[in-house]
Every structure is written in structure tokens, then in C-alpha cells.
Amino acid sequence: MLKIDLHTHQRKSDSSLQILNVFAQDLPLPEDENLYSAGLHPWHIGLVNPDECLWAMDQAASKKNIVAIGECGLDRSRTTDFNLQEGYFKQQIEIAEKHSKPLIIHCVRAFPEIIRLKKESHTSIPWIIHGFQANYTTMLQLIHHNFYFSVGKSLLFHPQKKELIPLLPFDHLFLETDDLEISISSVYSLTAQLLKVDEETLSGIISENFKGLFGNVFL
């Protein structure tokens, strides 16, 4: 069954379905058969013109092959003013709502704020935490607020946190390679071992989750 790489920074040569992350400053994109997400990353605030990026995102989001907004979000490990990060993240929430596209979220030490913003926005779109590797308490809070989780190598190989994977709701689970030079097949293989299911079953679960958020048209 087809494997899905929900978030990657580099196009892989395998047969998986991939959503390639594109930074907003690199828009516009060709209208081709590939799938993309586009967002203003919190690391880039102060390095690019944010208003131009947001305008480009709004234009690009109407295209069929832009299937998600992001990665975008909040990051307390950066020196960029946190209120500024939050302001630009809010604008990307609005773009995602306007175009009915899921959000792919980068979050570092800012989960309370992400949860608060989701509640305040009364959003109708899916919010996906990419590269998820929070603690147990945070995971429960995110589950309670109906977040989706995209898991990659950083969690799978963490000695303690990988034990959280079987506790994630199967119908809110995705897998990714992010910016690592690994195959999505290796991520599926290790995840299947942790979940104690075969890879075919896992592929079916992820495919159904993908259809629920993005529709049948891409599968």
C-alpha cells in the first residue's frame, strides 16, 4: 500500500506520496502534480519580508497542489520576539481558514500558547503538530483539543518518548521524514514495530487519516 510522507524538506526518489515543505519566501510554485505545504517559518521572521510572504501564501493557497499551510508556528528557542511570532502565526491561521487547508505546525516550548490560540480561533481546520515529541501531559492536552500528530525519527529514536507513540490516537496519526535523509519506509517500519501492527495495516490507517483531512483526490 502507498506510504505517505506528510512533511519533508527534500523530494525523495521513492514511490511514496510526499508533501514537500516550501518556505513562503520561495513562492510562487509551479502548478504541477506534486503536493506542497507553504508557510512562514518562525525561524525566518526578521530575515524575510513577512507581509510579502503572507501575500504570496494567500495567493498560493488557492492552488490545488498547495494542500496545507505551514510549517508555521511558535518557537521559544529563538531570539525573535515571541509576540511577533504569535502575530504572524495568527495571520497564517486566517489564511488556512480562508482556503480550508490544514495547518502544519512547528512548536518548540510553546504548546500552551498553541492550544490557547486553537481555542481562541474557533478553528474548523485540522491542526497537525509536525515532528511531535512532547511529554505525556502535553500529549494528553493536545489529544483533548483534537490535534493531529506527525511523527518522525526524532521521536521514534528517543529512548523514553518513543513509548508515547502507542498512546497516540491512531485516527490522528501521520508519519514524516522532515529534513532528514531517511526513507519514509524506515519510519513506517519502526512505527509498525512500536505499535505492534504490520506495515500494511499501518499504511491503511495513515491512508484513511490522509483521506479524512485532504480528500480522496490525491490517493
N, C-alpha and C. Protein backbone atom coordinates (compact mmCIF):
# COMPACT_ATOMS: atom_id res chain seq x y z
N MET A 1 0.84 -1.20 0.00
CA MET A 1 0.00 0.00 0.00
C MET A 1 0.88 1.25 0.00
N LEU A 2 0.37 2.32 -0.58
CA LEU A 2 1.10 3.56 -0.69
C LEU A 2 1.47 4.12 0.69
N LYS A 3 2.72 4.54 0.83
CA LYS A 3 3.17 5.20 2.05
C LYS A 3 3.10 6.71 1.87
N ILE A 4 2.79 7.43 2.95
CA ILE A 4 2.58 8.87 2.89
C ILE A 4 3.58 9.56 3.80
N ASP A 5 4.33 10.49 3.23
CA ASP A 5 5.28 11.32 3.98
C ASP A 5 4.65 12.70 4.13
N LEU A 6 4.08 12.96 5.30
CA LEU A 6 3.28 14.16 5.47
C LEU A 6 4.09 15.44 5.42
N HIS A 7 5.38 15.36 5.74
CA HIS A 7 6.17 16.59 5.82
C HIS A 7 7.63 16.27 5.52
N THR A 8 8.11 16.76 4.39
CA THR A 8 9.51 16.55 4.02
C THR A 8 10.07 17.82 3.41
N HIS A 9 11.36 18.02 3.63
CA HIS A 9 12.04 19.20 3.07
C HIS A 9 12.81 18.87 1.80
N GLN A 10 12.81 17.62 1.43
CA GLN A 10 13.53 17.21 0.22
C GLN A 10 12.78 16.10 -0.48
N ARG A 11 12.56 16.30 -1.76
CA ARG A 11 11.83 15.32 -2.55
C ARG A 11 12.59 14.01 -2.57
N LYS A 12 11.91 12.93 -2.20
CA LYS A 12 12.53 11.60 -2.21
C LYS A 12 12.25 10.91 -3.54
N SER A 13 13.13 9.98 -3.90
CA SER A 13 13.00 9.29 -5.19
C SER A 13 12.13 8.05 -5.11
N ASP A 14 11.59 7.74 -3.93
CA ASP A 14 10.77 6.53 -3.81
C ASP A 14 9.34 6.81 -4.32
N SER A 15 8.47 5.84 -4.15
CA SER A 15 7.12 5.95 -4.71
C SER A 15 6.11 6.48 -3.71
N SER A 16 6.57 6.99 -2.58
CA SER A 16 5.64 7.48 -1.57
C SER A 16 4.95 8.76 -2.02
N LEU A 17 3.80 9.03 -1.41
CA LEU A 17 3.13 10.30 -1.60
C LEU A 17 3.74 11.28 -0.60
N GLN A 18 4.25 12.39 -1.10
CA GLN A 18 5.00 13.32 -0.26
C GLN A 18 4.40 14.71 -0.31
N ILE A 19 4.33 15.36 0.85
CA ILE A 19 4.01 16.78 0.91
C ILE A 19 5.31 17.53 1.17
N LEU A 20 5.77 18.23 0.17
CA LEU A 20 7.05 18.93 0.24
C LEU A 20 6.87 20.29 0.89
N ASN A 21 7.61 20.53 1.96
CA ASN A 21 7.55 21.82 2.63
C ASN A 21 8.26 22.89 1.80
N VAL A 22 7.59 24.02 1.63
CA VAL A 22 8.16 25.15 0.90
C VAL A 22 8.06 26.38 1.79
N PHE A 23 9.14 27.12 1.91
CA PHE A 23 9.10 28.35 2.70
C PHE A 23 8.43 29.45 1.90
N ALA A 24 7.68 30.28 2.60
CA ALA A 24 6.86 31.29 1.93
C ALA A 24 7.68 32.21 1.04
N GLN A 25 8.92 32.48 1.42
CA GLN A 25 9.76 33.38 0.63
C GLN A 25 10.18 32.76 -0.71
N ASP A 26 9.94 31.45 -0.87
CA ASP A 26 10.29 30.77 -2.12
C ASP A 26 9.09 30.63 -3.06
N LEU A 27 7.96 31.17 -2.68
CA LEU A 27 6.79 31.17 -3.56
C LEU A 27 6.98 32.21 -4.66
N PRO A 28 6.27 32.06 -5.82
CA PRO A 28 5.26 31.05 -6.14
C PRO A 28 5.88 29.74 -6.62
N LEU A 29 5.02 28.72 -6.71
CA LEU A 29 5.41 27.40 -7.16
C LEU A 29 4.76 27.07 -8.49
N PRO A 30 5.35 26.15 -9.25
CA PRO A 30 4.68 25.70 -10.47
C PRO A 30 3.43 24.91 -10.12
N GLU A 31 2.43 24.97 -10.96
CA GLU A 31 1.22 24.16 -10.75
C GLU A 31 1.45 22.78 -11.37
N ASP A 32 2.17 21.93 -10.65
CA ASP A 32 2.49 20.60 -11.16
C ASP A 32 1.72 19.54 -10.37
N GLU A 33 2.11 18.31 -10.53
CA GLU A 33 1.41 17.19 -9.89
C GLU A 33 1.90 16.91 -8.47
N ASN A 34 2.96 17.60 -8.04
CA ASN A 34 3.47 17.38 -6.70
C ASN A 34 2.60 18.10 -5.67
N LEU A 35 2.67 17.64 -4.42
CA LEU A 35 1.91 18.25 -3.34
C LEU A 35 2.85 19.06 -2.45
N TYR A 36 2.36 20.23 -2.01
CA TYR A 36 3.20 21.14 -1.24
C TYR A 36 2.43 21.68 -0.03
N SER A 37 3.20 22.07 0.98
CA SER A 37 2.71 22.96 2.02
C SER A 37 3.59 24.20 1.98
N ALA A 38 3.03 25.34 2.36
CA ALA A 38 3.79 26.59 2.32
C ALA A 38 3.50 27.40 3.57
N GLY A 39 4.55 27.93 4.18
CA GLY A 39 4.35 28.70 5.39
C GLY A 39 5.51 29.62 5.71
N LEU A 40 5.23 30.59 6.56
CA LEU A 40 6.27 31.48 7.09
C LEU A 40 6.77 30.85 8.39
N HIS A 41 7.96 30.29 8.33
CA HIS A 41 8.55 29.60 9.48
C HIS A 41 8.97 30.63 10.53
N PRO A 42 8.74 30.33 11.82
CA PRO A 42 9.15 31.30 12.85
C PRO A 42 10.64 31.62 12.85
N TRP A 43 11.47 30.71 12.35
CA TRP A 43 12.91 30.98 12.27
C TRP A 43 13.24 32.08 11.28
N HIS A 44 12.33 32.32 10.34
CA HIS A 44 12.64 33.25 9.25
C HIS A 44 12.11 34.66 9.49
N ILE A 45 11.34 34.83 10.56
CA ILE A 45 10.83 36.16 10.88
C ILE A 45 12.02 37.06 11.21
N GLY A 46 12.08 38.20 10.55
CA GLY A 46 13.22 39.10 10.70
C GLY A 46 14.25 38.93 9.60
N LEU A 47 14.15 37.85 8.84
CA LEU A 47 15.09 37.59 7.74
C LEU A 47 14.45 37.81 6.37
N VAL A 48 13.11 37.81 6.34
CA VAL A 48 12.38 37.99 5.08
C VAL A 48 11.33 39.07 5.30
N ASN A 49 10.70 39.49 4.20
CA ASN A 49 9.60 40.45 4.30
C ASN A 49 8.33 39.68 4.62
N PRO A 50 7.83 39.74 5.85
CA PRO A 50 6.69 38.91 6.24
C PRO A 50 5.41 39.26 5.50
N ASP A 51 5.20 40.53 5.21
CA ASP A 51 3.98 40.92 4.51
C ASP A 51 3.95 40.37 3.09
N GLU A 52 5.11 40.40 2.43
CA GLU A 52 5.20 39.81 1.08
C GLU A 52 4.97 38.31 1.16
N CYS A 53 5.53 37.67 2.19
CA CYS A 53 5.37 36.22 2.35
C CYS A 53 3.91 35.84 2.57
N LEU A 54 3.24 36.60 3.42
CA LEU A 54 1.83 36.30 3.71
C LEU A 54 0.96 36.52 2.48
N TRP A 55 1.27 37.56 1.72
CA TRP A 55 0.52 37.81 0.48
C TRP A 55 0.74 36.65 -0.50
N ALA A 56 1.99 36.21 -0.63
CA ALA A 56 2.30 35.11 -1.55
C ALA A 56 1.61 33.83 -1.10
N MET A 57 1.55 33.61 0.21
CA MET A 57 0.87 32.42 0.72
C MET A 57 -0.62 32.45 0.41
N ASP A 58 -1.23 33.61 0.59
CA ASP A 58 -2.66 33.74 0.32
C ASP A 58 -2.95 33.46 -1.15
N GLN A 59 -2.07 33.93 -2.03
CA GLN A 59 -2.26 33.66 -3.46
C GLN A 59 -2.05 32.18 -3.77
N ALA A 60 -1.00 31.61 -3.18
CA ALA A 60 -0.67 30.21 -3.49
C ALA A 60 -1.70 29.24 -2.92
N ALA A 61 -2.31 29.60 -1.79
CA ALA A 61 -3.21 28.67 -1.11
C ALA A 61 -4.45 28.34 -1.93
N SER A 62 -4.74 29.13 -2.94
CA SER A 62 -5.89 28.84 -3.79
C SER A 62 -5.57 27.74 -4.81
N LYS A 63 -4.29 27.37 -4.93
CA LYS A 63 -3.88 26.36 -5.91
C LYS A 63 -4.12 24.96 -5.36
N LYS A 64 -4.49 24.07 -6.24
CA LYS A 64 -4.83 22.71 -5.84
C LYS A 64 -3.64 21.97 -5.23
N ASN A 65 -2.42 22.23 -5.73
CA ASN A 65 -1.29 21.45 -5.24
C ASN A 65 -0.69 22.00 -3.94
N ILE A 66 -1.19 23.13 -3.45
CA ILE A 66 -0.85 23.58 -2.09
C ILE A 66 -1.93 23.02 -1.17
N VAL A 67 -1.60 21.95 -0.46
CA VAL A 67 -2.62 21.22 0.28
C VAL A 67 -2.65 21.58 1.76
N ALA A 68 -1.64 22.33 2.25
CA ALA A 68 -1.61 22.70 3.66
C ALA A 68 -0.85 24.00 3.83
N ILE A 69 -1.11 24.69 4.94
CA ILE A 69 -0.37 25.89 5.31
C ILE A 69 0.62 25.51 6.40
N GLY A 70 1.89 25.85 6.18
CA GLY A 70 2.94 25.53 7.13
C GLY A 70 4.17 24.98 6.42
N GLU A 71 5.30 24.78 7.08
CA GLU A 71 5.16 24.76 8.51
C GLU A 71 5.22 26.19 9.05
N CYS A 72 4.43 26.40 10.06
CA CYS A 72 4.39 27.69 10.72
C CYS A 72 4.16 27.43 12.20
N GLY A 73 4.36 28.43 13.04
CA GLY A 73 4.12 28.17 14.45
C GLY A 73 4.91 29.07 15.37
N LEU A 74 5.31 28.52 16.52
CA LEU A 74 5.95 29.28 17.59
C LEU A 74 7.17 28.52 18.10
N ASP A 75 8.22 29.27 18.43
CA ASP A 75 9.46 28.63 18.84
C ASP A 75 10.17 29.49 19.89
N ARG A 76 10.15 29.03 21.14
CA ARG A 76 10.79 29.78 22.23
C ARG A 76 12.30 29.61 22.26
N SER A 77 12.85 28.75 21.42
CA SER A 77 14.30 28.61 21.38
C SER A 77 14.97 29.70 20.55
N ARG A 78 14.17 30.52 19.87
CA ARG A 78 14.70 31.58 19.01
C ARG A 78 14.66 32.92 19.74
N THR A 79 15.49 33.82 19.28
CA THR A 79 15.53 35.15 19.90
C THR A 79 14.47 36.08 19.33
N THR A 80 13.81 35.69 18.28
CA THR A 80 12.76 36.52 17.69
C THR A 80 11.66 36.79 18.70
N ASP A 81 11.21 38.04 18.78
CA ASP A 81 10.17 38.42 19.71
C ASP A 81 8.97 37.47 19.62
N PHE A 82 8.57 36.92 20.77
CA PHE A 82 7.53 35.90 20.77
C PHE A 82 6.18 36.47 20.35
N ASN A 83 5.89 37.69 20.75
CA ASN A 83 4.63 38.32 20.35
C ASN A 83 4.57 38.51 18.84
N LEU A 84 5.71 38.80 18.25
CA LEU A 84 5.78 38.94 16.79
C LEU A 84 5.51 37.59 16.13
N GLN A 85 6.12 36.55 16.65
CA GLN A 85 5.86 35.20 16.13
C GLN A 85 4.37 34.88 16.19
N GLU A 86 3.77 35.19 17.33
CA GLU A 86 2.36 34.87 17.52
C GLU A 86 1.48 35.65 16.53
N GLY A 87 1.82 36.92 16.29
CA GLY A 87 1.05 37.73 15.36
C GLY A 87 1.06 37.16 13.95
N TYR A 88 2.23 36.74 13.50
CA TYR A 88 2.31 36.18 12.14
C TYR A 88 1.69 34.79 12.07
N PHE A 89 1.77 34.05 13.16
CA PHE A 89 1.10 32.75 13.18
C PHE A 89 -0.41 32.92 13.08
N LYS A 90 -0.96 33.90 13.78
CA LYS A 90 -2.40 34.17 13.71
C LYS A 90 -2.83 34.48 12.28
N GLN A 91 -2.01 35.24 11.57
CA GLN A 91 -2.36 35.58 10.18
C GLN A 91 -2.35 34.34 9.29
N GLN A 92 -1.47 33.40 9.59
CA GLN A 92 -1.45 32.16 8.81
C GLN A 92 -2.63 31.25 9.15
N ILE A 93 -3.08 31.31 10.39
CA ILE A 93 -4.32 30.61 10.75
C ILE A 93 -5.47 31.14 9.89
N GLU A 94 -5.53 32.45 9.74
CA GLU A 94 -6.59 33.07 8.95
C GLU A 94 -6.52 32.64 7.49
N ILE A 95 -5.31 32.55 6.94
CA ILE A 95 -5.15 32.10 5.55
C ILE A 95 -5.61 30.65 5.42
N ALA A 96 -5.23 29.82 6.38
CA ALA A 96 -5.64 28.42 6.34
C ALA A 96 -7.15 28.29 6.41
N GLU A 97 -7.78 29.08 7.28
CA GLU A 97 -9.24 29.07 7.40
C GLU A 97 -9.89 29.53 6.10
N LYS A 98 -9.37 30.59 5.54
CA LYS A 98 -9.94 31.15 4.31
C LYS A 98 -9.96 30.13 3.19
N HIS A 99 -8.89 29.33 3.09
CA HIS A 99 -8.76 28.39 1.98
C HIS A 99 -9.07 26.95 2.39
N SER A 100 -9.50 26.76 3.64
CA SER A 100 -9.86 25.42 4.14
C SER A 100 -8.72 24.43 3.96
N LYS A 101 -7.52 24.84 4.39
CA LYS A 101 -6.34 23.99 4.31
C LYS A 101 -5.83 23.69 5.72
N PRO A 102 -5.44 22.44 6.00
CA PRO A 102 -4.89 22.12 7.32
C PRO A 102 -3.62 22.92 7.62
N LEU A 103 -3.34 23.08 8.91
CA LEU A 103 -2.11 23.74 9.37
C LEU A 103 -1.08 22.68 9.76
N ILE A 104 0.15 22.84 9.29
CA ILE A 104 1.27 22.01 9.74
C ILE A 104 2.12 22.89 10.66
N ILE A 105 2.23 22.49 11.92
CA ILE A 105 2.72 23.39 12.96
C ILE A 105 4.08 22.96 13.51
N HIS A 106 4.96 23.95 13.55
CA HIS A 106 6.26 23.84 14.22
C HIS A 106 6.08 24.43 15.61
N CYS A 107 6.36 23.65 16.65
CA CYS A 107 6.17 24.15 18.02
C CYS A 107 7.33 23.68 18.89
N VAL A 108 8.02 24.65 19.49
CA VAL A 108 9.10 24.37 20.43
C VAL A 108 8.85 25.15 21.71
N ARG A 109 8.58 24.44 22.77
CA ARG A 109 8.36 25.01 24.11
C ARG A 109 7.26 26.07 24.10
N ALA A 110 6.22 25.83 23.32
CA ALA A 110 5.13 26.80 23.24
C ALA A 110 3.77 26.12 23.10
N PHE A 111 3.64 24.91 23.62
CA PHE A 111 2.37 24.20 23.47
C PHE A 111 1.20 24.87 24.19
N PRO A 112 1.38 25.45 25.36
CA PRO A 112 0.23 26.15 25.97
C PRO A 112 -0.31 27.27 25.09
N GLU A 113 0.60 28.00 24.43
CA GLU A 113 0.16 29.08 23.54
C GLU A 113 -0.52 28.54 22.28
N ILE A 114 0.00 27.45 21.75
CA ILE A 114 -0.62 26.84 20.56
C ILE A 114 -2.04 26.38 20.89
N ILE A 115 -2.19 25.72 22.03
CA ILE A 115 -3.52 25.26 22.45
C ILE A 115 -4.45 26.45 22.67
N ARG A 116 -3.95 27.48 23.33
CA ARG A 116 -4.78 28.68 23.56
C ARG A 116 -5.24 29.30 22.25
N LEU A 117 -4.33 29.42 21.29
CA LEU A 117 -4.69 30.02 20.00
C LEU A 117 -5.71 29.17 19.25
N LYS A 118 -5.60 27.86 19.37
CA LYS A 118 -6.58 27.00 18.71
C LYS A 118 -7.97 27.22 19.31
N LYS A 119 -8.02 27.34 20.63
CA LYS A 119 -9.30 27.58 21.30
C LYS A 119 -9.86 28.96 20.93
N GLU A 120 -8.99 29.97 20.92
CA GLU A 120 -9.44 31.34 20.64
C GLU A 120 -9.90 31.51 19.20
N SER A 121 -9.29 30.78 18.30
CA SER A 121 -9.61 30.96 16.88
C SER A 121 -10.91 30.26 16.47
N HIS A 122 -11.42 29.36 17.34
CA HIS A 122 -12.63 28.59 16.99
C HIS A 122 -12.48 27.98 15.60
N THR A 123 -11.31 27.43 15.36
CA THR A 123 -10.95 26.97 14.03
C THR A 123 -11.75 25.73 13.61
N SER A 124 -11.98 25.62 12.33
CA SER A 124 -12.67 24.45 11.78
C SER A 124 -11.73 23.55 11.00
N ILE A 125 -10.46 23.96 10.88
CA ILE A 125 -9.49 23.19 10.10
C ILE A 125 -8.63 22.31 11.01
N PRO A 126 -8.06 21.23 10.48
CA PRO A 126 -7.18 20.39 11.28
C PRO A 126 -5.85 21.10 11.59
N TRP A 127 -5.38 20.92 12.81
CA TRP A 127 -4.06 21.41 13.22
C TRP A 127 -3.18 20.19 13.45
N ILE A 128 -2.04 20.14 12.77
CA ILE A 128 -1.15 18.99 12.83
C ILE A 128 0.18 19.43 13.44
N ILE A 129 0.57 18.82 14.55
CA ILE A 129 1.87 19.08 15.16
C ILE A 129 2.90 18.22 14.43
N HIS A 130 3.79 18.86 13.70
CA HIS A 130 4.79 18.08 12.97
C HIS A 130 6.02 17.86 13.86
N GLY A 131 6.70 16.73 13.65
CA GLY A 131 7.87 16.41 14.46
C GLY A 131 7.52 16.28 15.93
N PHE A 132 6.36 15.73 16.21
CA PHE A 132 5.87 15.67 17.59
C PHE A 132 6.83 14.91 18.49
N GLN A 133 7.18 15.53 19.64
CA GLN A 133 7.99 14.84 20.63
C GLN A 133 7.83 15.48 22.01
N ALA A 134 6.60 15.85 22.35
CA ALA A 134 6.32 16.46 23.65
C ALA A 134 6.25 15.38 24.74
N ASN A 135 5.96 15.82 25.97
CA ASN A 135 5.86 14.87 27.07
C ASN A 135 4.43 14.32 27.19
N TYR A 136 4.24 13.42 28.13
CA TYR A 136 2.96 12.72 28.27
C TYR A 136 1.82 13.69 28.59
N THR A 137 2.05 14.60 29.53
CA THR A 137 1.00 15.54 29.92
C THR A 137 0.58 16.43 28.75
N THR A 138 1.56 16.93 28.03
CA THR A 138 1.26 17.77 26.86
C THR A 138 0.53 16.97 25.80
N MET A 139 0.94 15.73 25.59
CA MET A 139 0.27 14.88 24.61
C MET A 139 -1.22 14.73 24.95
N LEU A 140 -1.53 14.50 26.22
CA LEU A 140 -2.93 14.36 26.63
C LEU A 140 -3.72 15.64 26.37
N GLN A 141 -3.10 16.79 26.62
CA GLN A 141 -3.76 18.06 26.36
C GLN A 141 -4.03 18.26 24.87
N LEU A 142 -3.06 17.89 24.06
CA LEU A 142 -3.22 18.02 22.61
C LEU A 142 -4.31 17.08 22.09
N ILE A 143 -4.34 15.87 22.62
CA ILE A 143 -5.39 14.92 22.23
C ILE A 143 -6.76 15.49 22.60
N HIS A 144 -6.85 16.04 23.80
CA HIS A 144 -8.12 16.61 24.27
C HIS A 144 -8.61 17.72 23.34
N HIS A 145 -7.69 18.47 22.76
CA HIS A 145 -8.06 19.59 21.89
C HIS A 145 -8.02 19.22 20.41
N ASN A 146 -8.02 17.92 20.14
CA ASN A 146 -8.22 17.39 18.78
C ASN A 146 -7.10 17.75 17.81
N PHE A 147 -5.88 17.78 18.29
CA PHE A 147 -4.74 17.96 17.39
C PHE A 147 -4.41 16.64 16.70
N TYR A 148 -3.77 16.76 15.55
CA TYR A 148 -3.20 15.61 14.84
C TYR A 148 -1.69 15.60 15.10
N PHE A 149 -1.08 14.44 14.91
CA PHE A 149 0.33 14.27 15.24
C PHE A 149 1.07 13.67 14.05
N SER A 150 2.17 14.32 13.66
CA SER A 150 3.03 13.78 12.63
C SER A 150 4.36 13.40 13.28
N VAL A 151 4.70 12.13 13.19
CA VAL A 151 5.82 11.56 13.93
C VAL A 151 6.96 11.22 12.97
N GLY A 152 8.16 11.52 13.42
CA GLY A 152 9.34 11.20 12.61
C GLY A 152 10.43 10.59 13.45
N LYS A 153 11.62 10.58 12.89
CA LYS A 153 12.75 9.89 13.52
C LYS A 153 13.10 10.47 14.88
N SER A 154 12.92 11.78 15.06
CA SER A 154 13.32 12.42 16.32
C SER A 154 12.56 11.83 17.51
N LEU A 155 11.33 11.40 17.31
CA LEU A 155 10.57 10.76 18.38
C LEU A 155 10.80 9.26 18.40
N LEU A 156 10.83 8.66 17.24
CA LEU A 156 10.94 7.20 17.16
C LEU A 156 12.22 6.68 17.82
N PHE A 157 13.30 7.48 17.76
CA PHE A 157 14.57 7.02 18.31
C PHE A 157 14.87 7.62 19.69
N HIS A 158 13.89 8.34 20.26
CA HIS A 158 14.08 8.87 21.60
C HIS A 158 13.79 7.75 22.61
N PRO A 159 14.74 7.42 23.48
CA PRO A 159 14.58 6.24 24.35
C PRO A 159 13.32 6.24 25.19
N GLN A 160 12.93 7.41 25.73
CA GLN A 160 11.74 7.46 26.57
C GLN A 160 10.50 7.87 25.78
N LYS A 161 10.62 8.92 24.99
CA LYS A 161 9.44 9.49 24.37
C LYS A 161 8.81 8.60 23.31
N LYS A 162 9.59 7.67 22.73
CA LYS A 162 9.01 6.78 21.73
C LYS A 162 7.92 5.91 22.34
N GLU A 163 7.93 5.76 23.67
CA GLU A 163 6.90 4.97 24.33
C GLU A 163 5.54 5.66 24.27
N LEU A 164 5.51 6.95 23.88
CA LEU A 164 4.24 7.66 23.74
C LEU A 164 3.50 7.27 22.46
N ILE A 165 4.21 6.77 21.48
CA ILE A 165 3.60 6.53 20.17
C ILE A 165 2.39 5.60 20.26
N PRO A 166 2.45 4.48 20.99
CA PRO A 166 1.25 3.63 21.08
C PRO A 166 0.08 4.31 21.78
N LEU A 167 0.33 5.41 22.49
CA LEU A 167 -0.73 6.11 23.21
C LEU A 167 -1.41 7.18 22.35
N LEU A 168 -0.83 7.49 21.20
CA LEU A 168 -1.45 8.45 20.30
C LEU A 168 -2.69 7.84 19.65
N PRO A 169 -3.73 8.63 19.43
CA PRO A 169 -4.91 8.10 18.74
C PRO A 169 -4.58 7.73 17.30
N PHE A 170 -4.84 6.49 16.92
CA PHE A 170 -4.48 6.02 15.58
C PHE A 170 -5.11 6.87 14.49
N ASP A 171 -6.32 7.38 14.74
CA ASP A 171 -7.01 8.14 13.70
C ASP A 171 -6.53 9.60 13.61
N HIS A 172 -5.51 9.94 14.39
CA HIS A 172 -4.92 11.29 14.34
C HIS A 172 -3.41 11.22 14.09
N LEU A 173 -2.96 10.12 13.49
CA LEU A 173 -1.52 9.86 13.35
C LEU A 173 -1.06 9.98 11.90
N PHE A 174 0.09 10.65 11.72
CA PHE A 174 0.78 10.70 10.43
C PHE A 174 2.26 10.46 10.66
N LEU A 175 2.98 10.18 9.58
CA LEU A 175 4.42 9.94 9.65
C LEU A 175 5.14 10.88 8.67
N GLU A 176 6.41 11.16 8.98
CA GLU A 176 7.14 12.14 8.17
C GLU A 176 8.64 11.85 8.21
N THR A 177 9.36 12.43 7.24
CA THR A 177 10.83 12.37 7.26
C THR A 177 11.44 13.72 7.62
N ASP A 178 10.67 14.80 7.54
CA ASP A 178 11.13 16.15 7.88
C ASP A 178 12.36 16.50 7.04
N ASP A 179 13.44 16.97 7.66
CA ASP A 179 14.61 17.39 6.90
C ASP A 179 15.72 16.35 6.92
N LEU A 180 15.40 15.13 7.31
CA LEU A 180 16.41 14.08 7.43
C LEU A 180 16.50 13.26 6.14
N GLU A 181 17.67 12.78 5.87
CA GLU A 181 17.88 11.95 4.69
C GLU A 181 17.61 10.49 5.05
N ILE A 182 16.36 10.22 5.35
CA ILE A 182 15.92 8.87 5.65
C ILE A 182 14.70 8.57 4.77
N SER A 183 14.38 7.31 4.63
CA SER A 183 13.22 6.95 3.82
C SER A 183 11.98 6.88 4.69
N ILE A 184 10.85 7.19 4.10
CA ILE A 184 9.59 7.07 4.84
C ILE A 184 9.32 5.60 5.16
N SER A 185 9.84 4.70 4.34
CA SER A 185 9.67 3.27 4.61
C SER A 185 10.29 2.88 5.93
N SER A 186 11.46 3.46 6.24
CA SER A 186 12.11 3.14 7.52
C SER A 186 11.31 3.68 8.69
N VAL A 187 10.66 4.83 8.51
CA VAL A 187 9.81 5.39 9.56
C VAL A 187 8.59 4.51 9.77
N TYR A 188 7.98 4.04 8.67
CA TYR A 188 6.84 3.13 8.78
C TYR A 188 7.24 1.84 9.48
N SER A 189 8.40 1.31 9.13
CA SER A 189 8.84 0.04 9.69
C SER A 189 9.00 0.13 11.20
N LEU A 190 9.67 1.17 11.67
CA LEU A 190 9.89 1.31 13.11
C LEU A 190 8.59 1.61 13.84
N THR A 191 7.73 2.43 13.24
CA THR A 191 6.44 2.74 13.87
C THR A 191 5.58 1.49 13.99
N ALA A 192 5.57 0.68 12.95
CA ALA A 192 4.79 -0.56 12.98
C ALA A 192 5.27 -1.47 14.11
N GLN A 193 6.59 -1.53 14.33
CA GLN A 193 7.13 -2.34 15.42
C GLN A 193 6.65 -1.81 16.77
N LEU A 194 6.67 -0.50 16.95
CA LEU A 194 6.26 0.10 18.22
C LEU A 194 4.77 -0.09 18.48
N LEU A 195 3.99 -0.06 17.40
CA LEU A 195 2.53 -0.21 17.53
C LEU A 195 2.10 -1.67 17.53
N LYS A 196 3.05 -2.55 17.22
CA LYS A 196 2.77 -3.99 17.15
C LYS A 196 1.69 -4.31 16.12
N VAL A 197 1.83 -3.68 14.96
CA VAL A 197 0.97 -3.99 13.82
C VAL A 197 1.87 -4.21 12.61
N ASP A 198 1.34 -4.83 11.55
CA ASP A 198 2.14 -4.98 10.35
C ASP A 198 2.10 -3.69 9.53
N GLU A 199 3.05 -3.54 8.65
CA GLU A 199 3.17 -2.29 7.89
C GLU A 199 1.97 -2.05 6.98
N GLU A 200 1.37 -3.12 6.48
CA GLU A 200 0.19 -2.96 5.63
C GLU A 200 -0.96 -2.35 6.42
N THR A 201 -1.14 -2.82 7.64
CA THR A 201 -2.19 -2.26 8.50
C THR A 201 -1.90 -0.80 8.81
N LEU A 202 -0.65 -0.50 9.14
CA LEU A 202 -0.28 0.88 9.43
C LEU A 202 -0.49 1.77 8.22
N SER A 203 -0.11 1.31 7.04
CA SER A 203 -0.32 2.08 5.81
C SER A 203 -1.79 2.37 5.60
N GLY A 204 -2.63 1.40 5.89
CA GLY A 204 -4.07 1.61 5.75
C GLY A 204 -4.59 2.66 6.71
N ILE A 205 -4.09 2.65 7.94
CA ILE A 205 -4.50 3.64 8.93
C ILE A 205 -4.11 5.04 8.49
N ILE A 206 -2.85 5.21 8.08
CA ILE A 206 -2.36 6.53 7.66
C ILE A 206 -3.10 7.01 6.41
N SER A 207 -3.37 6.10 5.48
CA SER A 207 -4.09 6.48 4.27
C SER A 207 -5.50 6.98 4.58
N GLU A 208 -6.18 6.30 5.48
CA GLU A 208 -7.53 6.73 5.86
C GLU A 208 -7.48 8.09 6.56
N ASN A 209 -6.48 8.31 7.40
CA ASN A 209 -6.33 9.61 8.05
C ASN A 209 -6.09 10.71 7.02
N PHE A 210 -5.27 10.39 6.02
CA PHE A 210 -4.97 11.37 4.97
C PHE A 210 -6.24 11.72 4.18
N LYS A 211 -7.01 10.71 3.84
CA LYS A 211 -8.26 10.96 3.11
C LYS A 211 -9.19 11.85 3.94
N GLY A 212 -9.21 11.62 5.25
CA GLY A 212 -10.08 12.41 6.12
C GLY A 212 -9.73 13.89 6.13
N LEU A 213 -8.46 14.20 5.99
CA LEU A 213 -8.03 15.60 6.03
C LEU A 213 -7.90 16.22 4.65
N PHE A 214 -7.46 15.44 3.66
CA PHE A 214 -7.14 16.01 2.35
C PHE A 214 -8.04 15.51 1.22
N GLY A 215 -8.90 14.55 1.51
CA GLY A 215 -9.79 14.02 0.49
C GLY A 215 -9.18 12.86 -0.27
N ASN A 216 -9.97 12.26 -1.14
CA ASN A 216 -9.56 11.08 -1.89
C ASN A 216 -8.78 11.40 -3.16
N VAL A 217 -8.78 12.65 -3.56
CA VAL A 217 -8.29 13.01 -4.89
C VAL A 217 -6.82 12.71 -5.08
N PHE A 218 -6.02 12.69 -4.01
CA PHE A 218 -4.58 12.53 -4.15
C PHE A 218 -4.13 11.08 -4.00
N LEU A 219 -5.04 10.18 -3.62
CA LEU A 219 -4.68 8.78 -3.41
C LEU A 219 -5.22 7.89 -4.51
